[in-house]
């Protein structure tokens, strides 16, 4: 119990404030009454436990929960925010990269997932920008999923 004091303390403070603001309907604080606020509070509590409590195993879930909470909040409130599934994999890759920086993971999977997420996120924009190379791009777009699957199979079954 003593080990998780930061996490539990921030969680209780955050949820208490959330329900207080929701119940009393304070106009200037209505921005904190959305359904994503408890998710953001949980992610923040996990990250504080990770960094202040020096418990590296909370970094990855903290970034994912905080990132997902922010993403779902931003979809509703920031018009330029992309509503695409690759944003979620981008958040996961950022969590993997932070976790590897804290010494508890390999850097390569995080980098690969980050690059693939950016590719999927900006795929349509890249296709539009490269319209002068339309025939080569359309050929690549037909077969790149097979290329990725073959590379994955190789990595899965190769014995090094």
C-alpha atoms as a PDB file:
ATOM      1  CA  UNK A   1       0.000   0.000   0.000  1.00  0.00           C
ATOM      2  CA  UNK A   2       2.798   2.387   0.879  1.00  0.00           C
ATOM      3  CA  UNK A   3       4.431   1.730  -2.467  1.00  0.00           C
ATOM      4  CA  UNK A   4       1.400   2.949  -4.438  1.00  0.00           C
ATOM      5  CA  UNK A   5       0.593   6.026  -2.322  1.00  0.00           C
ATOM      6  CA  UNK A   6       1.246   8.470  -5.150  1.00  0.00           C
ATOM      7  CA  UNK A   7      -0.946   6.590  -7.591  1.00  0.00           C
ATOM      8  CA  UNK A   8      -3.850   6.089  -5.191  1.00  0.00           C
ATOM      9  CA  UNK A   9      -3.577   9.639  -3.825  1.00  0.00           C
ATOM     10  CA  UNK A  10      -3.693  11.304  -7.235  1.00  0.00           C
ATOM     11  CA  UNK A  11      -6.465   8.966  -8.342  1.00  0.00           C
ATOM     12  CA  UNK A  12      -8.624   9.838  -5.333  1.00  0.00           C
ATOM     13  CA  UNK A  13      -7.945  13.583  -5.646  1.00  0.00           C
ATOM     14  CA  UNK A  14      -8.648  13.554  -9.379  1.00  0.00           C
ATOM     15  CA  UNK A  15     -11.837  11.500  -9.159  1.00  0.00           C
ATOM     16  CA  UNK A  16     -13.033  13.530  -6.185  1.00  0.00           C
ATOM     17  CA  UNK A  17     -12.536  16.792  -8.070  1.00  0.00           C
ATOM     18  CA  UNK A  18     -14.152  15.313 -11.185  1.00  0.00           C
ATOM     19  CA  UNK A  19     -17.311  14.313  -9.316  1.00  0.00           C
ATOM     20  CA  UNK A  20     -17.356  17.572  -7.341  1.00  0.00           C
ATOM     21  CA  UNK A  21     -17.178  19.659 -10.530  1.00  0.00           C
ATOM     22  CA  UNK A  22     -19.791  17.441 -12.203  1.00  0.00           C
ATOM     23  CA  UNK A  23     -22.191  17.621  -9.275  1.00  0.00           C
ATOM     24  CA  UNK A  24     -21.906  21.354  -8.615  1.00  0.00           C
ATOM     25  CA  UNK A  25     -21.795  22.278 -12.328  1.00  0.00           C
ATOM     26  CA  UNK A  26     -19.233  25.057 -11.970  1.00  0.00           C
ATOM     27  CA  UNK A  27     -19.390  26.861 -15.355  1.00  0.00           C
ATOM     28  CA  UNK A  28     -15.716  27.784 -15.635  1.00  0.00           C
ATOM     29  CA  UNK A  29     -14.668  24.177 -14.936  1.00  0.00           C
ATOM     30  CA  UNK A  30     -17.119  22.399 -17.250  1.00  0.00           C
ATOM     31  CA  UNK A  31     -14.207  21.454 -19.512  1.00  0.00           C
ATOM     32  CA  UNK A  32     -13.274  18.834 -16.882  1.00  0.00           C
ATOM     33  CA  UNK A  33     -16.672  17.103 -16.869  1.00  0.00           C
ATOM     34  CA  UNK A  34     -16.241  15.075 -20.049  1.00  0.00           C
ATOM     35  CA  UNK A  35     -16.055  11.293 -19.905  1.00  0.00           C
ATOM     36  CA  UNK A  36     -12.363  11.402 -20.789  1.00  0.00           C
ATOM     37  CA  UNK A  37     -11.360  13.184 -17.575  1.00  0.00           C
ATOM     38  CA  UNK A  38     -11.203  10.008 -15.414  1.00  0.00           C
ATOM     39  CA  UNK A  39      -9.064   8.381 -18.100  1.00  0.00           C
ATOM     40  CA  UNK A  40      -6.713  11.383 -18.108  1.00  0.00           C
ATOM     41  CA  UNK A  41      -6.548  11.368 -14.300  1.00  0.00           C
ATOM     42  CA  UNK A  42      -5.688   7.657 -14.285  1.00  0.00           C
ATOM     43  CA  UNK A  43      -2.927   8.145 -16.874  1.00  0.00           C
ATOM     44  CA  UNK A  44      -1.529  11.109 -14.961  1.00  0.00           C
ATOM     45  CA  UNK A  45      -1.561   9.103 -11.722  1.00  0.00           C
ATOM     46  CA  UNK A  46       0.303   6.249 -13.406  1.00  0.00           C
ATOM     47  CA  UNK A  47       2.952   8.615 -14.788  1.00  0.00           C
ATOM     48  CA  UNK A  48       3.460  10.366 -11.458  1.00  0.00           C
ATOM     49  CA  UNK A  49       3.886   6.960  -9.814  1.00  0.00           C
ATOM     50  CA  UNK A  50       6.373   6.037 -12.538  1.00  0.00           C
ATOM     51  CA  UNK A  51       8.538   9.139 -12.372  1.00  0.00           C
ATOM     52  CA  UNK A  52       8.185  10.381  -8.782  1.00  0.00           C
ATOM     53  CA  UNK A  53       7.845   6.928  -7.284  1.00  0.00           C
ATOM     54  CA  UNK A  54      10.695   5.639  -9.467  1.00  0.00           C
ATOM     55  CA  UNK A  55       8.695   2.659 -10.663  1.00  0.00           C
ATOM     56  CA  UNK A  56       9.528   2.208 -14.322  1.00  0.00           C
ATOM     57  CA  UNK A  57       6.866  -0.440 -14.917  1.00  0.00           C
ATOM     58  CA  UNK A  58       4.194   2.311 -14.742  1.00  0.00           C
ATOM     59  CA  UNK A  59       5.644   4.335 -17.660  1.00  0.00           C
ATOM     60  CA  UNK A  60       4.166   2.289 -20.506  1.00  0.00           C
ATOM     61  CA  UNK A  61       0.596   1.982 -19.164  1.00  0.00           C
ATOM     62  CA  UNK A  62       0.682   5.600 -17.991  1.00  0.00           C
ATOM     63  CA  UNK A  63       1.538   6.954 -21.426  1.00  0.00           C
ATOM     64  CA  UNK A  64      -1.027   4.718 -23.101  1.00  0.00           C
ATOM     65  CA  UNK A  65      -3.876   5.633 -20.730  1.00  0.00           C
ATOM     66  CA  UNK A  66      -3.020   9.354 -20.745  1.00  0.00           C
ATOM     67  CA  UNK A  67      -2.531   9.332 -24.518  1.00  0.00           C
ATOM     68  CA  UNK A  68      -5.796   7.511 -25.211  1.00  0.00           C
ATOM     69  CA  UNK A  69      -7.653   9.861 -22.884  1.00  0.00           C
ATOM     70  CA  UNK A  70      -6.174  12.899 -24.608  1.00  0.00           C
ATOM     71  CA  UNK A  71      -6.883  11.426 -28.046  1.00  0.00           C
ATOM     72  CA  UNK A  72     -10.563  10.815 -27.283  1.00  0.00           C
ATOM     73  CA  UNK A  73     -10.855  14.272 -25.755  1.00  0.00           C
ATOM     74  CA  UNK A  74      -9.109  15.890 -28.742  1.00  0.00           C
ATOM     75  CA  UNK A  75     -11.356  14.134 -31.283  1.00  0.00           C
ATOM     76  CA  UNK A  76     -14.336  16.001 -29.839  1.00  0.00           C
ATOM     77  CA  UNK A  77     -12.706  19.352 -29.129  1.00  0.00           C
ATOM     78  CA  UNK A  78      -9.856  19.946 -31.579  1.00  0.00           C
ATOM     79  CA  UNK A  79     -11.139  20.115 -35.149  1.00  0.00           C
ATOM     80  CA  UNK A  80      -7.758  19.447 -36.758  1.00  0.00           C
ATOM     81  CA  UNK A  81      -7.147  16.332 -34.628  1.00  0.00           C
ATOM     82  CA  UNK A  82      -7.122  13.153 -36.766  1.00  0.00           C
ATOM     83  CA  UNK A  83      -9.781  10.569 -35.998  1.00  0.00           C
ATOM     84  CA  UNK A  84      -7.793   7.624 -37.314  1.00  0.00           C
ATOM     85  CA  UNK A  85      -6.858   4.308 -35.718  1.00  0.00           C
ATOM     86  CA  UNK A  86      -3.157   4.917 -36.382  1.00  0.00           C
ATOM     87  CA  UNK A  87      -3.135   7.641 -33.714  1.00  0.00           C
ATOM     88  CA  UNK A  88      -3.717   4.896 -31.141  1.00  0.00           C
ATOM     89  CA  UNK A  89      -0.792   2.835 -32.428  1.00  0.00           C
ATOM     90  CA  UNK A  90       1.278   6.020 -32.458  1.00  0.00           C
ATOM     91  CA  UNK A  91       0.491   6.509 -28.754  1.00  0.00           C
ATOM     92  CA  UNK A  92       1.429   2.885 -28.044  1.00  0.00           C
ATOM     93  CA  UNK A  93       4.721   3.350 -29.889  1.00  0.00           C
ATOM     94  CA  UNK A  94       5.486   6.472 -27.851  1.00  0.00           C
ATOM     95  CA  UNK A  95       4.845   4.433 -24.706  1.00  0.00           C
ATOM     96  CA  UNK A  96       7.194   1.741 -25.982  1.00  0.00           C
ATOM     97  CA  UNK A  97       9.886   4.327 -26.743  1.00  0.00           C
ATOM     98  CA  UNK A  98       9.605   5.902 -23.285  1.00  0.00           C
ATOM     99  CA  UNK A  99       9.664   2.460 -21.667  1.00  0.00           C
ATOM    100  CA  UNK A 100      12.837   1.560 -23.559  1.00  0.00           C
ATOM    101  CA  UNK A 101      14.438   4.840 -22.464  1.00  0.00           C
ATOM    102  CA  UNK A 102      13.746   3.894 -18.851  1.00  0.00           C
ATOM    103  CA  UNK A 103      15.742   0.701 -19.400  1.00  0.00           C
ATOM    104  CA  UNK A 104      12.930  -1.837 -19.557  1.00  0.00           C
ATOM    105  CA  UNK A 105      12.558  -2.695 -23.195  1.00  0.00           C
ATOM    106  CA  UNK A 106      13.950  -2.893 -26.690  1.00  0.00           C
ATOM    107  CA  UNK A 107      14.009   0.282 -28.781  1.00  0.00           C
ATOM    108  CA  UNK A 108      13.475  -1.333 -32.219  1.00  0.00           C
ATOM    109  CA  UNK A 109       9.792  -2.393 -31.877  1.00  0.00           C
ATOM    110  CA  UNK A 110       8.869   1.084 -30.682  1.00  0.00           C
ATOM    111  CA  UNK A 111      10.664   2.742 -33.592  1.00  0.00           C
ATOM    112  CA  UNK A 112       9.092   0.387 -36.150  1.00  0.00           C
ATOM    113  CA  UNK A 113       5.597   0.881 -34.743  1.00  0.00           C
ATOM    114  CA  UNK A 114       6.168   4.650 -34.668  1.00  0.00           C
ATOM    115  CA  UNK A 115       7.227   4.720 -38.326  1.00  0.00           C
ATOM    116  CA  UNK A 116       4.365   2.462 -39.415  1.00  0.00           C
ATOM    117  CA  UNK A 117       1.852   4.570 -37.464  1.00  0.00           C
ATOM    118  CA  UNK A 118       3.073   7.761 -39.111  1.00  0.00           C
ATOM    119  CA  UNK A 119       2.927   6.053 -42.492  1.00  0.00           C
ATOM    120  CA  UNK A 120      -0.690   4.963 -41.972  1.00  0.00           C
ATOM    121  CA  UNK A 121      -1.650   8.337 -40.524  1.00  0.00           C
ATOM    122  CA  UNK A 122      -0.258  10.310 -43.443  1.00  0.00           C
ATOM    123  CA  UNK A 123      -0.751   7.704 -46.188  1.00  0.00           C
ATOM    124  CA  UNK A 124      -3.460   9.650 -48.029  1.00  0.00           C
ATOM    125  CA  UNK A 125      -1.523  12.912 -47.839  1.00  0.00           C
ATOM    126  CA  UNK A 126       1.635  11.216 -49.094  1.00  0.00           C
ATOM    127  CA  UNK A 127      -0.268   9.710 -52.005  1.00  0.00           C
ATOM    128  CA  UNK A 128      -1.645  13.116 -52.938  1.00  0.00           C
ATOM    129  CA  UNK A 129       1.776  14.765 -52.687  1.00  0.00           C
ATOM    130  CA  UNK A 130       3.360  12.086 -54.836  1.00  0.00           C
ATOM    131  CA  UNK A 131       0.715  12.183 -57.553  1.00  0.00           C
ATOM    132  CA  UNK A 132       3.408  12.808 -60.180  1.00  0.00           C
ATOM    133  CA  UNK A 133       4.708   9.327 -59.403  1.00  0.00           C
ATOM    134  CA  UNK A 134       1.198   7.885 -59.572  1.00  0.00           C
ATOM    135  CA  UNK A 135       1.994   4.641 -61.392  1.00  0.00           C
ATOM    136  CA  UNK A 136       4.851   3.691 -59.066  1.00  0.00           C
ATOM    137  CA  UNK A 137       2.866   4.700 -55.978  1.00  0.00           C
ATOM    138  CA  UNK A 138      -0.216   2.736 -57.029  1.00  0.00           C
ATOM    139  CA  UNK A 139       1.927  -0.348 -57.710  1.00  0.00           C
ATOM    140  CA  UNK A 140       3.551  -0.021 -54.282  1.00  0.00           C
ATOM    141  CA  UNK A 141       0.183   0.534 -52.593  1.00  0.00           C
ATOM    142  CA  UNK A 142      -1.107  -2.734 -54.008  1.00  0.00           C
ATOM    143  CA  UNK A 143       1.722  -4.879 -52.690  1.00  0.00           C
ATOM    144  CA  UNK A 144       3.119  -3.192 -49.569  1.00  0.00           C
ATOM    145  CA  UNK A 145       0.804  -5.115 -47.191  1.00  0.00           C
ATOM    146  CA  UNK A 146       2.210  -8.373 -48.537  1.00  0.00           C
ATOM    147  CA  UNK A 147       5.758  -7.054 -48.109  1.00  0.00           C
ATOM    148  CA  UNK A 148       5.074  -6.124 -44.486  1.00  0.00           C
ATOM    149  CA  UNK A 149       3.492  -9.536 -43.791  1.00  0.00           C
ATOM    150  CA  UNK A 150       6.446 -11.371 -45.355  1.00  0.00           C
ATOM    151  CA  UNK A 151       8.905  -9.370 -43.255  1.00  0.00           C
ATOM    152  CA  UNK A 152       6.824 -10.169 -40.167  1.00  0.00           C
ATOM    153  CA  UNK A 153       6.790 -13.882 -41.004  1.00  0.00           C
ATOM    154  CA  UNK A 154      10.537 -13.820 -41.520  1.00  0.00           C
ATOM    155  CA  UNK A 155      11.114 -12.165 -38.159  1.00  0.00           C
ATOM    156  CA  UNK A 156       8.701 -14.548 -36.460  1.00  0.00           C
ATOM    157  CA  UNK A 157      10.127 -17.772 -37.835  1.00  0.00           C
ATOM    158  CA  UNK A 158      13.793 -17.008 -38.522  1.00  0.00           C
ATOM    159  CA  UNK A 159      16.282 -18.504 -36.132  1.00  0.00           C
ATOM    160  CA  UNK A 160      19.235 -16.312 -35.464  1.00  0.00           C
END
